[in-house]
Amino acid sequence: MKELWEVKPENHKQGQVTHTMGWPLGAKVGGGSFMYHLEDNIVSIGFVVHLNYQNPYLYPYMEFQRFKHHPLISQVLEGGRRVAYGARAITEGGFQSVPKLYFPGGVLIGCSAGFVNVPRIKGSANAMKTGMLAAEAAFAALNEGRAGDELAGYETAYENSWVYQDLKRVKNVKPMWSRLGLVGGVVLGAVDMWLNTLFGFGFGTWKHGKPDSATLKPAADSRIINYPKPDGVLSFDRLTDLAFSATNHEEDEPVHLKLKDPSIPIAVNLPMWAEPAQRYCPAGVYEVIMEDGKPPRFQINHQNCVHCKTCDIKDPSQNINWVVPQGGEGPNYPNM
C-alpha cells in the first residue's frame, strides 16, 4: 500500500530514503516500509505486509495507517496533505518461485515473473533486463522465420544472465524470514546472502513451504486485533483513501471478481476464518452485511477494486478469481 504526500518544505529532504522492518507488525509477521523524499515537497510512503501471515484478524490497511503515527514518520507528514493512494501485490518469492517463462506466443517478463530482489529492495533493473532478453529472443526468432511458437531461448538467456545470479545469491532470505521470524530469519538470511555473494555457496536452498492462501489459522485460535480509529489527519479509513486512487468502474458492468462457489464466503470462510476478505482487501471491496433478523450476506463492491490481486492470492478457500474488467477500467494513479 502506498500514499503520496505533499509535505511542508521544512519537513522535506529531497533524496532521503528510509526503510523499516517490523513495527507495528511484530516479529511474527513479515513486512516493512519505505519512505522516499521526491522532488517538489512530495514524499512517497509505502507499507508492505507479507501475505503469509497467520492471524485472520490482521488488517493490513490498518497496520499501514497505524504505522504513520510512529514519530519517525509523523514528524515528516504533520502539516502535509495526502495526494494519492494505491495498492498492489508484489511477487516476491524470488529465485525458487520463478515459473516457466515462455508459452506458445508469449513470455513472462519483469514483475509478472517475480524478478524482485527482496533484501536489496530492487526490481526495476531486473525487470528491464528480462524485457531486453525477451526482445532479443523474439528478434532472433523472427529472423529465423518463426512465429507463434515458444521462445525457449529467452529462458536460456535468463539462466545465463546477471539477473539469474542476482536472484540466486539472495534466494534464501525470504523463506528464512517467513519460517524463522523477523530476528532469526533476517539474521540467518543475511549470513546466507553474503556467503553466496562472496563465496558462491550458502545453506542450500530453502523452500517457501505452503502457499499464502494456506497459512491462516482458524479464527477461534487467533487473537482479535483492535485497531485505533483513524484520526483523519495522518490516518484515514479505506474508502476515504480510495477516493485518492482515481478508481472507476461502471456500476452496471459485469463483476470482474468471480466466485467459484457463491456460498463459500458465508458458509465456510465466515465461521472458519471470520471471512478475512473484509480485512485483507485494501479497497473495501468485500463486505459481510449483517442485518437484523436476516442471515449474513457477502457483498462485492467491485467498483472499488484497485486491481491489487490480493484476493486471488490470499483467499483461504481459493474461491475468488480476478478477471480483467471491461474497458480497461480501474485505478488511474497520478504519479504513483
C-alpha atoms as a PDB file:
ATOM      1  CA  MET A   1       0.000   0.000   0.000  1.00  0.00           C
ATOM      2  CA  LYS A   2       1.299   3.419  -0.888  1.00  0.00           C
ATOM      3  CA  GLU A   3       0.410   7.058  -0.411  1.00  0.00           C
ATOM      4  CA  LEU A   4       1.893  10.220  -1.874  1.00  0.00           C
ATOM      5  CA  TRP A   5       2.048  13.235   0.427  1.00  0.00           C
ATOM      6  CA  GLU A   6       2.840  16.862  -0.201  1.00  0.00           C
ATOM      7  CA  VAL A   7       4.677  17.859   2.965  1.00  0.00           C
ATOM      8  CA  LYS A   8       5.766  21.167   4.431  1.00  0.00           C
ATOM      9  CA  PRO A   9       9.057  22.414   2.897  1.00  0.00           C
ATOM     10  CA  GLU A  10      10.817  22.310   6.266  1.00  0.00           C
ATOM     11  CA  ASN A  11       9.957  18.590   6.587  1.00  0.00           C
ATOM     12  CA  HIS A  12      11.200  17.707   3.119  1.00  0.00           C
ATOM     13  CA  LYS A  13      14.734  16.439   2.447  1.00  0.00           C
ATOM     14  CA  GLN A  14      14.944  15.621  -1.253  1.00  0.00           C
ATOM     15  CA  GLY A  15      16.694  12.317  -1.883  1.00  0.00           C
ATOM     16  CA  GLN A  16      16.322  10.980   1.655  1.00  0.00           C
ATOM     17  CA  VAL A  17      15.447   7.275   1.817  1.00  0.00           C
ATOM     18  CA  THR A  18      14.004   5.496   4.868  1.00  0.00           C
ATOM     19  CA  HIS A  19      13.360   1.747   5.108  1.00  0.00           C
ATOM     20  CA  THR A  20      11.960  -0.081   8.137  1.00  0.00           C
ATOM     21  CA  MET A  21      11.060  -3.632   9.173  1.00  0.00           C
ATOM     22  CA  GLY A  22       8.859  -4.961  11.942  1.00  0.00           C
ATOM     23  CA  TRP A  23       6.812  -2.336  13.778  1.00  0.00           C
ATOM     24  CA  PRO A  24       3.842  -2.337  14.100  1.00  0.00           C
ATOM     25  CA  LEU A  25       3.600  -5.876  12.680  1.00  0.00           C
ATOM     26  CA  GLY A  26       5.724  -7.538  15.355  1.00  0.00           C
ATOM     27  CA  ALA A  27       8.277 -10.305  14.955  1.00  0.00           C
ATOM     28  CA  LYS A  28       5.962 -12.992  13.564  1.00  0.00           C
ATOM     29  CA  VAL A  29       4.521 -11.116  10.582  1.00  0.00           C
ATOM     30  CA  GLY A  30       6.798 -10.219   7.690  1.00  0.00           C
ATOM     31  CA  GLY A  31       6.755  -6.740   6.253  1.00  0.00           C
ATOM     32  CA  GLY A  32       8.209  -3.291   6.317  1.00  0.00           C
ATOM     33  CA  SER A  33       8.031   0.186   4.871  1.00  0.00           C
ATOM     34  CA  PHE A  34       9.672   2.711   2.607  1.00  0.00           C
ATOM     35  CA  MET A  35       9.642   6.499   2.606  1.00  0.00           C
ATOM     36  CA  TYR A  36      11.231   8.405  -0.265  1.00  0.00           C
ATOM     37  CA  HIS A  37      11.564  12.186  -0.419  1.00  0.00           C
ATOM     38  CA  LEU A  38      10.959  13.085  -4.069  1.00  0.00           C
ATOM     39  CA  GLU A  39      11.022  16.473  -5.762  1.00  0.00           C
ATOM     40  CA  ASP A  40       8.575  19.378  -5.154  1.00  0.00           C
ATOM     41  CA  ASN A  41       7.999  18.512  -1.479  1.00  0.00           C
ATOM     42  CA  ILE A  42       6.456  15.145  -2.403  1.00  0.00           C
ATOM     43  CA  VAL A  43       7.045  12.147  -0.146  1.00  0.00           C
ATOM     44  CA  SER A  44       6.211   8.608  -1.225  1.00  0.00           C
ATOM     45  CA  ILE A  45       5.359   6.408   1.746  1.00  0.00           C
ATOM     46  CA  GLY A  46       4.532   2.730   1.463  1.00  0.00           C
ATOM     47  CA  PHE A  47       3.872  -0.232   3.719  1.00  0.00           C
ATOM     48  CA  VAL A  48       4.295  -3.913   2.804  1.00  0.00           C
ATOM     49  CA  VAL A  49       2.673  -6.863   4.585  1.00  0.00           C
ATOM     50  CA  HIS A  50       3.779 -10.361   3.589  1.00  0.00           C
ATOM     51  CA  LEU A  51       0.672 -12.332   2.671  1.00  0.00           C
ATOM     52  CA  ASN A  52       1.750 -15.476   4.506  1.00  0.00           C
ATOM     53  CA  TYR A  53       0.510 -14.023   7.803  1.00  0.00           C
ATOM     54  CA  GLN A  54      -1.452 -16.404  10.039  1.00  0.00           C
ATOM     55  CA  ASN A  55      -3.925 -14.319  12.033  1.00  0.00           C
ATOM     56  CA  PRO A  56      -7.153 -13.845  10.039  1.00  0.00           C
ATOM     57  CA  TYR A  57      -7.911 -10.726  12.096  1.00  0.00           C
ATOM     58  CA  LEU A  58      -4.821  -8.948  10.769  1.00  0.00           C
ATOM     59  CA  TYR A  59      -5.903  -5.869   8.825  1.00  0.00           C
ATOM     60  CA  PRO A  60      -3.021  -4.824   6.531  1.00  0.00           C
ATOM     61  CA  TYR A  61      -4.511  -1.457   5.607  1.00  0.00           C
ATOM     62  CA  MET A  62      -4.960  -0.501   9.245  1.00  0.00           C
ATOM     63  CA  GLU A  63      -1.410  -1.606  10.023  1.00  0.00           C
ATOM     64  CA  PHE A  64      -0.311   0.930   7.401  1.00  0.00           C
ATOM     65  CA  GLN A  65      -2.420   3.662   8.969  1.00  0.00           C
ATOM     66  CA  ARG A  66      -1.120   2.836  12.431  1.00  0.00           C
ATOM     67  CA  PHE A  67       2.454   2.894  11.115  1.00  0.00           C
ATOM     68  CA  LYS A  68       2.158   6.547  10.049  1.00  0.00           C
ATOM     69  CA  HIS A  69       1.759   7.571  13.693  1.00  0.00           C
ATOM     70  CA  HIS A  70       5.303   6.482  14.537  1.00  0.00           C
ATOM     71  CA  PRO A  71       7.316   9.597  15.471  1.00  0.00           C
ATOM     72  CA  LEU A  72       9.856   8.933  12.703  1.00  0.00           C
ATOM     73  CA  ILE A  73       7.058   9.140  10.124  1.00  0.00           C
ATOM     74  CA  SER A  74       4.580  11.537  11.707  1.00  0.00           C
ATOM     75  CA  GLN A  75       7.177  14.302  12.043  1.00  0.00           C
ATOM     76  CA  VAL A  76       7.541  14.268   8.264  1.00  0.00           C
ATOM     77  CA  LEU A  77       3.827  14.107   7.435  1.00  0.00           C
ATOM     78  CA  GLU A  78       2.453  16.542  10.004  1.00  0.00           C
ATOM     79  CA  GLY A  79       1.092  19.649   8.345  1.00  0.00           C
ATOM     80  CA  GLY A  80       1.132  17.979   4.931  1.00  0.00           C
ATOM     81  CA  ARG A  81      -1.631  16.575   2.773  1.00  0.00           C
ATOM     82  CA  ARG A  82      -2.165  13.220   1.133  1.00  0.00           C
ATOM     83  CA  VAL A  83      -2.481  13.471  -2.653  1.00  0.00           C
ATOM     84  CA  ALA A  84      -2.680   9.849  -3.877  1.00  0.00           C
ATOM     85  CA  TYR A  85      -3.256   6.274  -2.693  1.00  0.00           C
ATOM     86  CA  GLY A  86      -2.861   2.849  -4.252  1.00  0.00           C
ATOM     87  CA  ALA A  87      -2.092  -0.808  -3.582  1.00  0.00           C
ATOM     88  CA  ARG A  88      -0.540  -3.756  -5.370  1.00  0.00           C
ATOM     89  CA  ALA A  89       0.500  -7.320  -4.548  1.00  0.00           C
ATOM     90  CA  ILE A  90       4.255  -7.814  -5.002  1.00  0.00           C
ATOM     91  CA  THR A  91       5.505 -11.073  -6.495  1.00  0.00           C
ATOM     92  CA  GLU A  92       8.450 -11.522  -4.154  1.00  0.00           C
ATOM     93  CA  GLY A  93       9.022 -15.280  -3.955  1.00  0.00           C
ATOM     94  CA  GLY A  94      12.328 -14.807  -5.749  1.00  0.00           C
ATOM     95  CA  PHE A  95      14.580 -17.454  -7.247  1.00  0.00           C
ATOM     96  CA  GLN A  96      12.575 -20.504  -6.114  1.00  0.00           C
ATOM     97  CA  SER A  97       9.289 -19.048  -7.365  1.00  0.00           C
ATOM     98  CA  VAL A  98      10.228 -18.020 -10.908  1.00  0.00           C
ATOM     99  CA  PRO A  99       7.887 -20.032 -13.180  1.00  0.00           C
ATOM    100  CA  LYS A 100       8.433 -21.358 -16.689  1.00  0.00           C
ATOM    101  CA  LEU A 101       8.997 -18.147 -18.605  1.00  0.00           C
ATOM    102  CA  TYR A 102       7.608 -18.973 -22.031  1.00  0.00           C
ATOM    103  CA  PHE A 103       4.454 -20.374 -23.603  1.00  0.00           C
ATOM    104  CA  PRO A 104       3.161 -20.523 -27.200  1.00  0.00           C
ATOM    105  CA  GLY A 105       3.092 -16.959 -28.494  1.00  0.00           C
ATOM    106  CA  GLY A 106       4.254 -15.202 -25.328  1.00  0.00           C
ATOM    107  CA  VAL A 107       6.662 -14.853 -22.414  1.00  0.00           C
ATOM    108  CA  LEU A 108       6.678 -13.677 -18.802  1.00  0.00           C
ATOM    109  CA  ILE A 109       8.969 -10.750 -18.064  1.00  0.00           C
ATOM    110  CA  GLY A 110       9.619  -8.318 -15.235  1.00  0.00           C
ATOM    111  CA  CYS A 111       7.434  -8.258 -12.142  1.00  0.00           C
ATOM    112  CA  SER A 112       4.905 -10.663 -13.676  1.00  0.00           C
ATOM    113  CA  ALA A 113       7.547 -13.386 -13.410  1.00  0.00           C
ATOM    114  CA  GLY A 114       8.775 -12.336  -9.960  1.00  0.00           C
ATOM    115  CA  PHE A 115      12.278 -10.994 -10.576  1.00  0.00           C
ATOM    116  CA  VAL A 116      12.237  -8.816  -7.438  1.00  0.00           C
ATOM    117  CA  ASN A 117      15.347  -8.900  -5.250  1.00  0.00           C
ATOM    118  CA  VAL A 118      13.633  -8.589  -1.858  1.00  0.00           C
ATOM    119  CA  PRO A 119      16.545  -7.977   0.562  1.00  0.00           C
ATOM    120  CA  ARG A 120      18.059  -5.349  -1.692  1.00  0.00           C
ATOM    121  CA  ILE A 121      14.634  -3.803  -2.359  1.00  0.00           C
ATOM    122  CA  LYS A 122      15.125  -3.570  -6.089  1.00  0.00           C
ATOM    123  CA  GLY A 123      13.384  -4.914  -9.143  1.00  0.00           C
ATOM    124  CA  SER A 124      13.333  -2.321 -11.914  1.00  0.00           C
ATOM    125  CA  ALA A 125      16.772  -3.219 -13.297  1.00  0.00           C
ATOM    126  CA  ASN A 126      15.926  -6.932 -13.339  1.00  0.00           C
ATOM    127  CA  ALA A 127      12.557  -6.234 -14.951  1.00  0.00           C
ATOM    128  CA  MET A 128      14.109  -4.152 -17.721  1.00  0.00           C
ATOM    129  CA  LYS A 129      16.894  -6.650 -18.371  1.00  0.00           C
ATOM    130  CA  THR A 130      14.478  -9.573 -18.748  1.00  0.00           C
ATOM    131  CA  GLY A 131      12.420  -7.459 -21.129  1.00  0.00           C
ATOM    132  CA  MET A 132      15.561  -6.899 -23.190  1.00  0.00           C
ATOM    133  CA  LEU A 133      16.382 -10.625 -23.138  1.00  0.00           C
ATOM    134  CA  ALA A 134      12.860 -11.468 -24.306  1.00  0.00           C
ATOM    135  CA  ALA A 135      13.047  -8.882 -27.087  1.00  0.00           C
ATOM    136  CA  GLU A 136      16.352 -10.286 -28.286  1.00  0.00           C
ATOM    137  CA  ALA A 137      14.927 -13.830 -28.298  1.00  0.00           C
ATOM    138  CA  ALA A 138      11.864 -12.647 -30.234  1.00  0.00           C
ATOM    139  CA  PHE A 139      14.049 -10.771 -32.721  1.00  0.00           C
ATOM    140  CA  ALA A 140      16.149 -13.880 -33.306  1.00  0.00           C
ATOM    141  CA  ALA A 141      13.008 -15.988 -33.801  1.00  0.00           C
ATOM    142  CA  LEU A 142      11.577 -13.553 -36.361  1.00  0.00           C
ATOM    143  CA  ASN A 143      14.861 -13.534 -38.249  1.00  0.00           C
ATOM    144  CA  GLU A 144      14.573 -17.314 -38.454  1.00  0.00           C
ATOM    145  CA  GLY A 145      11.045 -17.010 -39.866  1.00  0.00           C
ATOM    146  CA  ARG A 146       9.401 -18.417 -36.737  1.00  0.00           C
ATOM    147  CA  ALA A 147       6.017 -17.272 -35.395  1.00  0.00           C
ATOM    148  CA  GLY A 148       3.640 -18.362 -32.656  1.00  0.00           C
ATOM    149  CA  ASP A 149       5.957 -20.982 -31.167  1.00  0.00           C
ATOM    150  CA  GLU A 150       7.784 -20.999 -27.819  1.00  0.00           C
ATOM    151  CA  LEU A 151      10.711 -18.677 -27.109  1.00  0.00           C
ATOM    152  CA  ALA A 152      12.749 -21.215 -25.138  1.00  0.00           C
ATOM    153  CA  GLY A 153      15.828 -19.158 -25.951  1.00  0.00           C
ATOM    154  CA  TYR A 154      14.565 -16.422 -23.622  1.00  0.00           C
ATOM    155  CA  GLU A 155      14.626 -18.708 -20.582  1.00  0.00           C
ATOM    156  CA  THR A 156      18.103 -19.931 -21.555  1.00  0.00           C
ATOM    157  CA  ALA A 157      19.260 -16.315 -21.845  1.00  0.00           C
ATOM    158  CA  TYR A 158      17.777 -15.548 -18.384  1.00  0.00           C
ATOM    159  CA  GLU A 159      19.622 -18.513 -16.847  1.00  0.00           C
ATOM    160  CA  ASN A 160      22.892 -17.189 -18.282  1.00  0.00           C
ATOM    161  CA  SER A 161      22.279 -13.578 -17.241  1.00  0.00           C
ATOM    162  CA  TRP A 162      23.241 -11.491 -14.221  1.00  0.00           C
ATOM    163  CA  VAL A 163      19.544 -11.397 -13.240  1.00  0.00           C
ATOM    164  CA  TYR A 164      19.681 -15.136 -12.512  1.00  0.00           C
ATOM    165  CA  GLN A 165      22.830 -14.723 -10.441  1.00  0.00           C
ATOM    166  CA  ASP A 166      21.382 -11.702  -8.643  1.00  0.00           C
ATOM    167  CA  LEU A 167      18.327 -13.707  -7.509  1.00  0.00           C
ATOM    168  CA  LYS A 168      20.298 -16.857  -6.737  1.00  0.00           C
ATOM    169  CA  ARG A 169      22.550 -15.064  -4.262  1.00  0.00           C
ATOM    170  CA  VAL A 170      19.570 -13.942  -2.146  1.00  0.00           C
ATOM    171  CA  LYS A 171      17.313 -16.968  -2.678  1.00  0.00           C
ATOM    172  CA  ASN A 172      17.019 -17.957   0.998  1.00  0.00           C
ATOM    173  CA  VAL A 173      16.359 -14.561   2.568  1.00  0.00           C
ATOM    174  CA  LYS A 174      12.575 -14.567   2.087  1.00  0.00           C
ATOM    175  CA  PRO A 175      11.900 -18.216   3.029  1.00  0.00           C
ATOM    176  CA  MET A 176      14.161 -17.909   6.090  1.00  0.00           C
ATOM    177  CA  TRP A 177      12.320 -14.752   7.151  1.00  0.00           C
ATOM    178  CA  SER A 178       8.974 -16.498   6.701  1.00  0.00           C
ATOM    179  CA  ARG A 179       9.931 -19.650   8.586  1.00  0.00           C
ATOM    180  CA  LEU A 180      12.180 -18.276  11.337  1.00  0.00           C
ATOM    181  CA  GLY A 181      10.610 -14.875  12.006  1.00  0.00           C
ATOM    182  CA  LEU A 182      11.967 -11.354  11.847  1.00  0.00           C
ATOM    183  CA  VAL A 183      15.047 -11.677  14.040  1.00  0.00           C
ATOM    184  CA  GLY A 184      16.279 -15.214  13.359  1.00  0.00           C
ATOM    185  CA  GLY A 185      15.197 -15.251   9.726  1.00  0.00           C
ATOM    186  CA  VAL A 186      16.726 -11.919   8.778  1.00  0.00           C
ATOM    187  CA  VAL A 187      19.994 -12.631  10.589  1.00  0.00           C
ATOM    188  CA  LEU A 188      20.428 -16.101   9.090  1.00  0.00           C
ATOM    189  CA  GLY A 189      19.215 -14.835   5.715  1.00  0.00           C
ATOM    190  CA  ALA A 190      21.839 -12.092   5.767  1.00  0.00           C
ATOM    191  CA  VAL A 191      24.584 -14.613   6.550  1.00  0.00           C
ATOM    192  CA  ASP A 192      23.380 -16.887   3.732  1.00  0.00           C
ATOM    193  CA  MET A 193      23.169 -13.949   1.310  1.00  0.00           C
ATOM    194  CA  TRP A 194      26.737 -12.816   1.973  1.00  0.00           C
ATOM    195  CA  LEU A 195      28.116 -16.365   1.858  1.00  0.00           C
ATOM    196  CA  ASN A 196      26.528 -16.758  -1.575  1.00  0.00           C
ATOM    197  CA  THR A 197      27.725 -13.313  -2.669  1.00  0.00           C
ATOM    198  CA  LEU A 198      31.322 -13.744  -1.515  1.00  0.00           C
ATOM    199  CA  PHE A 199      31.939 -17.474  -1.915  1.00  0.00           C
ATOM    200  CA  GLY A 200      29.147 -18.819  -4.129  1.00  0.00           C
ATOM    201  CA  PHE A 201      27.601 -21.141  -1.538  1.00  0.00           C
ATOM    202  CA  GLY A 202      25.323 -20.923   1.499  1.00  0.00           C
ATOM    203  CA  PHE A 203      22.833 -23.039   3.418  1.00  0.00           C
ATOM    204  CA  GLY A 204      21.396 -24.927   0.463  1.00  0.00           C
ATOM    205  CA  THR A 205      18.024 -23.973  -0.974  1.00  0.00           C
ATOM    206  CA  TRP A 206      15.176 -23.350   1.479  1.00  0.00           C
ATOM    207  CA  LYS A 207      11.619 -23.851   0.325  1.00  0.00           C
ATOM    208  CA  HIS A 208       8.837 -21.376   0.977  1.00  0.00           C
ATOM    209  CA  GLY A 209       6.546 -24.088   2.348  1.00  0.00           C
ATOM    210  CA  LYS A 210       2.822 -23.597   1.901  1.00  0.00           C
ATOM    211  CA  PRO A 211       1.127 -21.035  -0.376  1.00  0.00           C
ATOM    212  CA  ASP A 212      -0.105 -17.784   1.154  1.00  0.00           C
ATOM    213  CA  SER A 213      -3.717 -18.942   0.898  1.00  0.00           C
ATOM    214  CA  ALA A 214      -2.997 -21.872   3.246  1.00  0.00           C
ATOM    215  CA  THR A 215      -1.322 -20.014   6.126  1.00  0.00           C
ATOM    216  CA  LEU A 216      -4.323 -18.686   8.062  1.00  0.00           C
ATOM    217  CA  LYS A 217      -5.162 -20.196  11.428  1.00  0.00           C
ATOM    218  CA  PRO A 218      -8.821 -20.668  12.413  1.00  0.00           C
ATOM    219  CA  ALA A 219     -10.398 -17.558  13.878  1.00  0.00           C
ATOM    220  CA  ALA A 220     -11.195 -19.483  17.056  1.00  0.00           C
ATOM    221  CA  ASP A 221      -7.461 -19.967  17.645  1.00  0.00           C
ATOM    222  CA  SER A 222      -6.488 -16.379  16.798  1.00  0.00           C
ATOM    223  CA  ARG A 223      -6.304 -13.117  18.684  1.00  0.00           C
ATOM    224  CA  ILE A 224      -8.717 -10.346  17.714  1.00  0.00           C
ATOM    225  CA  ILE A 225      -6.779  -7.163  16.900  1.00  0.00           C
ATOM    226  CA  ASN A 226      -8.388  -3.865  17.911  1.00  0.00           C
ATOM    227  CA  TYR A 227      -7.114  -1.050  15.715  1.00  0.00           C
ATOM    228  CA  PRO A 228      -7.322   2.634  16.710  1.00  0.00           C
ATOM    229  CA  LYS A 229      -9.816   4.742  14.804  1.00  0.00           C
ATOM    230  CA  PRO A 230      -8.174   6.835  12.046  1.00  0.00           C
ATOM    231  CA  ASP A 231      -7.774  10.457  13.069  1.00  0.00           C
ATOM    232  CA  GLY A 232      -8.456  11.945   9.617  1.00  0.00           C
ATOM    233  CA  VAL A 233      -5.147  13.824   9.769  1.00  0.00           C
ATOM    234  CA  LEU A 234      -2.388  11.213   9.432  1.00  0.00           C
ATOM    235  CA  SER A 235      -4.559   8.104   9.166  1.00  0.00           C
ATOM    236  CA  PHE A 236      -7.734   7.538   7.161  1.00  0.00           C
ATOM    237  CA  ASP A 237     -10.447   4.967   6.573  1.00  0.00           C
ATOM    238  CA  ARG A 238     -10.190   2.836   3.445  1.00  0.00           C
ATOM    239  CA  LEU A 239     -12.966   4.491   1.435  1.00  0.00           C
ATOM    240  CA  THR A 240     -11.592   7.971   2.077  1.00  0.00           C
ATOM    241  CA  ASP A 241      -8.161   6.842   0.888  1.00  0.00           C
ATOM    242  CA  LEU A 242      -9.719   5.023  -2.063  1.00  0.00           C
ATOM    243  CA  ALA A 243     -11.030   8.323  -3.393  1.00  0.00           C
ATOM    244  CA  PHE A 244      -7.387   9.330  -3.947  1.00  0.00           C
ATOM    245  CA  SER A 245      -6.728   6.378  -6.279  1.00  0.00           C
ATOM    246  CA  ALA A 246      -8.996   7.752  -9.047  1.00  0.00           C
ATOM    247  CA  THR A 247     -10.548   4.291  -9.350  1.00  0.00           C
ATOM    248  CA  ASN A 248     -13.537   3.925 -11.655  1.00  0.00           C
ATOM    249  CA  HIS A 249     -15.688   1.005 -12.774  1.00  0.00           C
ATOM    250  CA  GLU A 250     -19.138   1.390 -14.242  1.00  0.00           C
ATOM    251  CA  GLU A 251     -21.742   0.496 -11.645  1.00  0.00           C
ATOM    252  CA  ASP A 252     -23.682  -1.784 -14.020  1.00  0.00           C
ATOM    253  CA  GLU A 253     -20.750  -3.561 -15.679  1.00  0.00           C
ATOM    254  CA  PRO A 254     -20.216  -7.307 -15.104  1.00  0.00           C
ATOM    255  CA  VAL A 255     -18.465  -8.029 -11.810  1.00  0.00           C
ATOM    256  CA  HIS A 256     -14.846  -8.950 -12.559  1.00  0.00           C
ATOM    257  CA  LEU A 257     -14.315 -10.700  -9.198  1.00  0.00           C
ATOM    258  CA  LYS A 258     -15.729 -14.147  -9.809  1.00  0.00           C
ATOM    259  CA  LEU A 259     -16.709 -16.569  -7.042  1.00  0.00           C
ATOM    260  CA  LYS A 260     -16.366 -20.238  -7.947  1.00  0.00           C
ATOM    261  CA  ASP A 261     -18.999 -21.017  -5.313  1.00  0.00           C
ATOM    262  CA  PRO A 262     -21.046 -18.027  -4.032  1.00  0.00           C
ATOM    263  CA  SER A 263     -21.963 -19.887  -0.824  1.00  0.00           C
ATOM    264  CA  ILE A 264     -18.385 -20.326   0.444  1.00  0.00           C
ATOM    265  CA  PRO A 265     -17.783 -16.828   1.928  1.00  0.00           C
ATOM    266  CA  ILE A 266     -20.645 -17.202   4.411  1.00  0.00           C
ATOM    267  CA  ALA A 267     -20.812 -20.984   4.768  1.00  0.00           C
ATOM    268  CA  VAL A 268     -17.062 -21.649   5.078  1.00  0.00           C
ATOM    269  CA  ASN A 269     -14.881 -18.549   5.338  1.00  0.00           C
ATOM    270  CA  LEU A 270     -17.002 -16.688   7.894  1.00  0.00           C
ATOM    271  CA  PRO A 271     -17.185 -19.389  10.590  1.00  0.00           C
ATOM    272  CA  MET A 272     -13.676 -20.724   9.960  1.00  0.00           C
ATOM    273  CA  TRP A 273     -11.632 -17.529   9.383  1.00  0.00           C
ATOM    274  CA  ALA A 274     -14.054 -14.657  10.194  1.00  0.00           C
ATOM    275  CA  GLU A 275     -14.101 -14.004   6.410  1.00  0.00           C
ATOM    276  CA  PRO A 276     -10.665 -12.359   6.044  1.00  0.00           C
ATOM    277  CA  ALA A 277     -11.561 -10.755   2.705  1.00  0.00           C
ATOM    278  CA  GLN A 278     -13.175  -7.988   4.762  1.00  0.00           C
ATOM    279  CA  ARG A 279      -9.718  -7.072   6.015  1.00  0.00           C
ATOM    280  CA  TYR A 280      -7.040  -8.135   3.518  1.00  0.00           C
ATOM    281  CA  CYS A 281      -8.586  -6.100   0.686  1.00  0.00           C
ATOM    282  CA  PRO A 282      -7.025  -2.590   0.711  1.00  0.00           C
ATOM    283  CA  ALA A 283     -10.031  -1.050  -1.057  1.00  0.00           C
ATOM    284  CA  GLY A 284     -13.082  -2.284   0.859  1.00  0.00           C
ATOM    285  CA  VAL A 285     -14.318  -4.453  -1.996  1.00  0.00           C
ATOM    286  CA  TYR A 286     -15.605  -7.278   0.216  1.00  0.00           C
ATOM    287  CA  GLU A 287     -18.154  -6.887   2.987  1.00  0.00           C
ATOM    288  CA  VAL A 288     -20.169  -9.193   5.214  1.00  0.00           C
ATOM    289  CA  ILE A 289     -23.505  -7.463   5.714  1.00  0.00           C
ATOM    290  CA  MET A 290     -25.329  -8.128   8.967  1.00  0.00           C
ATOM    291  CA  GLU A 291     -28.993  -7.060   9.135  1.00  0.00           C
ATOM    292  CA  ASP A 292     -31.422  -7.590  11.984  1.00  0.00           C
ATOM    293  CA  GLY A 293     -33.364 -10.798  11.636  1.00  0.00           C
ATOM    294  CA  LYS A 294     -31.598 -11.794   8.433  1.00  0.00           C
ATOM    295  CA  PRO A 295     -28.711 -14.187   7.781  1.00  0.00           C
ATOM    296  CA  PRO A 296     -25.349 -12.582   6.923  1.00  0.00           C
ATOM    297  CA  ARG A 297     -24.660 -11.970   3.256  1.00  0.00           C
ATOM    298  CA  PHE A 298     -21.450 -11.440   1.293  1.00  0.00           C
ATOM    299  CA  GLN A 299     -21.267  -8.286  -0.803  1.00  0.00           C
ATOM    300  CA  ILE A 300     -18.733  -7.475  -3.525  1.00  0.00           C
ATOM    301  CA  ASN A 301     -18.236  -3.756  -4.210  1.00  0.00           C
ATOM    302  CA  HIS A 302     -16.383  -4.369  -7.456  1.00  0.00           C
ATOM    303  CA  GLN A 303     -16.327  -0.686  -8.368  1.00  0.00           C
ATOM    304  CA  ASN A 304     -13.828  -0.125  -5.511  1.00  0.00           C
ATOM    305  CA  CYS A 305     -11.241  -2.578  -6.860  1.00  0.00           C
ATOM    306  CA  VAL A 306      -7.708  -1.195  -7.308  1.00  0.00           C
ATOM    307  CA  HIS A 307      -6.542  -4.362  -9.100  1.00  0.00           C
ATOM    308  CA  CYS A 308      -4.045  -5.382  -6.428  1.00  0.00           C
ATOM    309  CA  LYS A 309      -4.884  -9.118  -6.877  1.00  0.00           C
ATOM    310  CA  THR A 310      -4.583  -9.797  -3.127  1.00  0.00           C
ATOM    311  CA  CYS A 311      -7.934 -11.611  -3.024  1.00  0.00           C
ATOM    312  CA  ASP A 312      -6.857 -14.016  -5.754  1.00  0.00           C
ATOM    313  CA  ILE A 313      -3.758 -14.832  -3.685  1.00  0.00           C
ATOM    314  CA  LYS A 314      -4.894 -14.808  -0.048  1.00  0.00           C
ATOM    315  CA  ASP A 315      -8.444 -16.201  -0.091  1.00  0.00           C
ATOM    316  CA  PRO A 316      -8.132 -19.338   2.079  1.00  0.00           C
ATOM    317  CA  SER A 317     -10.729 -21.234   0.040  1.00  0.00           C
ATOM    318  CA  GLN A 318      -9.222 -20.112  -3.284  1.00  0.00           C
ATOM    319  CA  ASN A 319     -12.756 -19.210  -4.291  1.00  0.00           C
ATOM    320  CA  ILE A 320     -12.077 -15.777  -5.818  1.00  0.00           C
ATOM    321  CA  ASN A 321     -10.888 -15.444  -9.397  1.00  0.00           C
ATOM    322  CA  TRP A 322      -9.817 -11.966 -10.510  1.00  0.00           C
ATOM    323  CA  VAL A 323     -10.506 -11.438 -14.211  1.00  0.00           C
ATOM    324  CA  VAL A 324      -9.921  -8.396 -16.419  1.00  0.00           C
ATOM    325  CA  PRO A 325     -12.780  -5.866 -16.149  1.00  0.00           C
ATOM    326  CA  GLN A 326     -14.410  -4.399 -19.205  1.00  0.00           C
ATOM    327  CA  GLY A 327     -12.913  -1.424 -20.986  1.00  0.00           C
ATOM    328  CA  GLY A 328      -9.614  -1.364 -19.133  1.00  0.00           C
ATOM    329  CA  GLU A 329     -11.236   0.382 -16.175  1.00  0.00           C
ATOM    330  CA  GLY A 330      -9.732   0.514 -12.699  1.00  0.00           C
ATOM    331  CA  PRO A 331      -7.383   2.819 -10.772  1.00  0.00           C
ATOM    332  CA  ASN A 332      -5.872   5.831 -12.510  1.00  0.00           C
ATOM    333  CA  TYR A 333      -2.854   6.513 -10.353  1.00  0.00           C
ATOM    334  CA  PRO A 334      -1.439  10.035 -10.557  1.00  0.00           C
ATOM    335  CA  ASN A 335       2.363   9.997 -10.276  1.00  0.00           C
ATOM    336  CA  MET A 336       2.383   6.684  -8.418  1.00  0.00           C
END
